[in-house]
Protein backbone atom coordinates (compact mmCIF):
# COMPACT_ATOMS: atom_id res chain seq x y z
CA UNK A 1 104.08 78.87 80.49
CA UNK A 2 102.98 82.75 80.12
CA UNK A 3 99.90 82.83 78.61
CA UNK A 4 99.19 86.19 76.45
CA UNK A 5 95.49 87.25 76.44
CA UNK A 6 94.36 88.95 73.26
CA UNK A 7 93.65 92.67 73.65
CA UNK A 8 91.33 94.98 70.69
CA UNK A 9 93.55 95.46 68.03
CA UNK A 10 93.63 98.92 65.66
CA UNK A 11 94.98 99.26 62.45
CA UNK A 12 98.43 99.73 63.15
CA UNK A 13 98.21 96.84 65.69
CA UNK A 14 96.28 94.38 63.56
CA UNK A 15 97.13 92.04 66.43
CA UNK A 16 98.43 92.27 70.44
CA UNK A 17 99.04 90.43 72.84
CA UNK A 18 98.95 92.09 76.15
CA UNK A 19 102.05 90.78 78.65
CA UNK A 20 100.28 89.26 82.09
CA UNK A 21 101.30 92.86 85.08
CA UNK A 22 103.63 91.67 87.65
CA UNK A 23 100.58 91.21 90.13
CA UNK A 24 99.19 88.62 87.11
CA UNK A 25 102.30 87.18 87.48
CA UNK A 26 102.78 86.05 90.94
CA UNK A 27 98.97 85.32 91.44
CA UNK A 28 100.15 82.65 89.17
CA UNK A 29 103.67 81.96 90.23
CA UNK A 30 101.59 81.79 93.79
CA UNK A 31 98.91 79.29 92.14
CA UNK A 32 100.35 77.71 90.31
CA UNK A 33 102.76 76.49 92.72
CA UNK A 34 99.56 75.93 95.71
CA UNK A 35 98.42 73.06 92.70
CA UNK A 36 99.65 70.04 94.27
CA UNK A 37 98.09 70.27 97.32
CA UNK A 38 101.36 70.32 99.29
CA UNK A 39 102.21 73.03 101.27
CA UNK A 40 102.81 76.13 99.37
CA UNK A 41 105.97 78.11 99.74
CA UNK A 42 106.83 80.82 100.21
CA UNK A 43 106.73 83.75 96.86
CA UNK A 44 109.47 85.76 96.09
CA UNK A 45 109.06 89.09 93.87
CA UNK A 46 111.66 91.26 92.71
CA UNK A 47 111.75 94.47 90.28
CA UNK A 48 114.23 93.57 86.41
CA UNK A 49 114.71 95.62 83.75
CA UNK A 50 112.82 94.53 80.17
CA UNK A 51 115.34 93.47 79.10
CA UNK A 52 115.99 90.90 81.64
CA UNK A 53 112.46 90.20 81.73
CA UNK A 54 112.32 90.09 77.68
CA UNK A 55 115.45 87.40 77.73
CA UNK A 56 113.83 85.09 80.64
CA UNK A 57 110.90 85.01 77.75
CA UNK A 58 112.90 83.82 75.54
CA UNK A 59 114.65 80.98 77.32
CA UNK A 60 110.27 79.71 78.73
CA UNK A 61 109.34 79.75 75.41
CA UNK A 62 112.12 77.88 74.16
CA UNK A 63 112.33 75.16 76.27
CA UNK A 64 108.58 75.45 77.21
CA UNK A 65 109.49 75.85 81.14
CA UNK A 66 107.79 78.75 83.09
CA UNK A 67 109.85 81.35 84.75
CA UNK A 68 108.99 80.39 87.40
CA UNK A 69 111.69 77.17 86.75
CA UNK A 70 114.09 79.44 85.62
CA UNK A 71 114.07 81.62 87.88
CA UNK A 72 114.54 78.81 90.67
CA UNK A 73 117.59 76.94 88.25
CA UNK A 74 119.01 80.95 87.37
CA UNK A 75 119.19 81.70 91.93
CA UNK A 76 119.83 77.61 92.89
CA UNK A 77 123.25 78.03 91.63
CA UNK A 78 124.22 81.82 92.10
CA UNK A 79 123.21 81.14 96.09
CA UNK A 80 125.58 77.61 95.36
CA UNK A 81 128.54 78.99 93.97
CA UNK A 82 128.78 82.31 96.78
CA UNK A 83 128.00 79.54 100.00
CA UNK A 84 131.58 77.95 98.29
CA UNK A 85 132.98 81.33 97.61
CA UNK A 86 131.54 82.37 101.27
CA UNK A 87 133.06 78.75 102.99
CA UNK A 88 136.69 78.76 100.95
CA UNK A 89 136.96 82.14 102.19
CA UNK A 90 136.62 81.13 105.93
CA UNK A 91 138.43 77.71 105.69
CA UNK A 92 141.27 80.88 104.57
CA UNK A 93 140.87 82.59 107.49
CA UNK A 94 140.38 79.70 110.43
CA UNK A 95 144.15 78.93 108.47
CA UNK A 96 145.77 82.00 108.39
CA UNK A 97 144.54 81.97 112.06
CA UNK A 98 146.29 78.38 113.15
CA UNK A 99 149.04 79.95 110.80
CA UNK A 100 149.09 77.46 108.26
CA UNK A 101 150.52 79.28 105.84
CA UNK A 102 153.09 79.05 102.34
CA UNK A 103 155.81 81.29 101.69
CA UNK A 104 155.37 83.46 99.00
CA UNK A 105 158.86 82.12 97.82
CA UNK A 106 157.30 78.89 97.89
CA UNK A 107 154.69 79.78 96.04
CA UNK A 108 156.21 80.85 93.62
CA UNK A 109 159.09 78.55 92.75
CA UNK A 110 156.05 76.06 92.41
CA UNK A 111 154.70 78.20 89.89
CA UNK A 112 157.99 78.49 87.98
CA UNK A 113 157.97 74.65 87.96
CA UNK A 114 155.02 74.31 86.31
CA UNK A 115 155.40 77.10 83.82
CA UNK A 116 158.94 75.55 82.77
CA UNK A 117 157.23 71.93 82.63
CA UNK A 118 154.07 72.89 81.10
CA UNK A 119 154.18 71.78 76.86
CA UNK A 120 153.30 75.21 75.36
């Protein structure tokens, strides 16, 4: 969870909080990941825009999870999807190289029959 630090107030801002800087956030994520006594995880850092960061913070607050949890989960899902796609392409290329192809007319016939049998 992001820890907001109180900052001096002004008449215009009767209450104000300091959002952690990138350095503070990376340091906090690194220290948090090392607190389990196991081997430290690699640190990954990247830049993002304020809107995406705000959405991430809203999600983290609503779920009572930290940024790291959601970023790791999102990255894992993205990588799984992209790697699946690359694998499917590689399999398709291997099929084409092995001449395991279906002609266009039989594909069209299959989809026409499917559309004719559709309950719509």
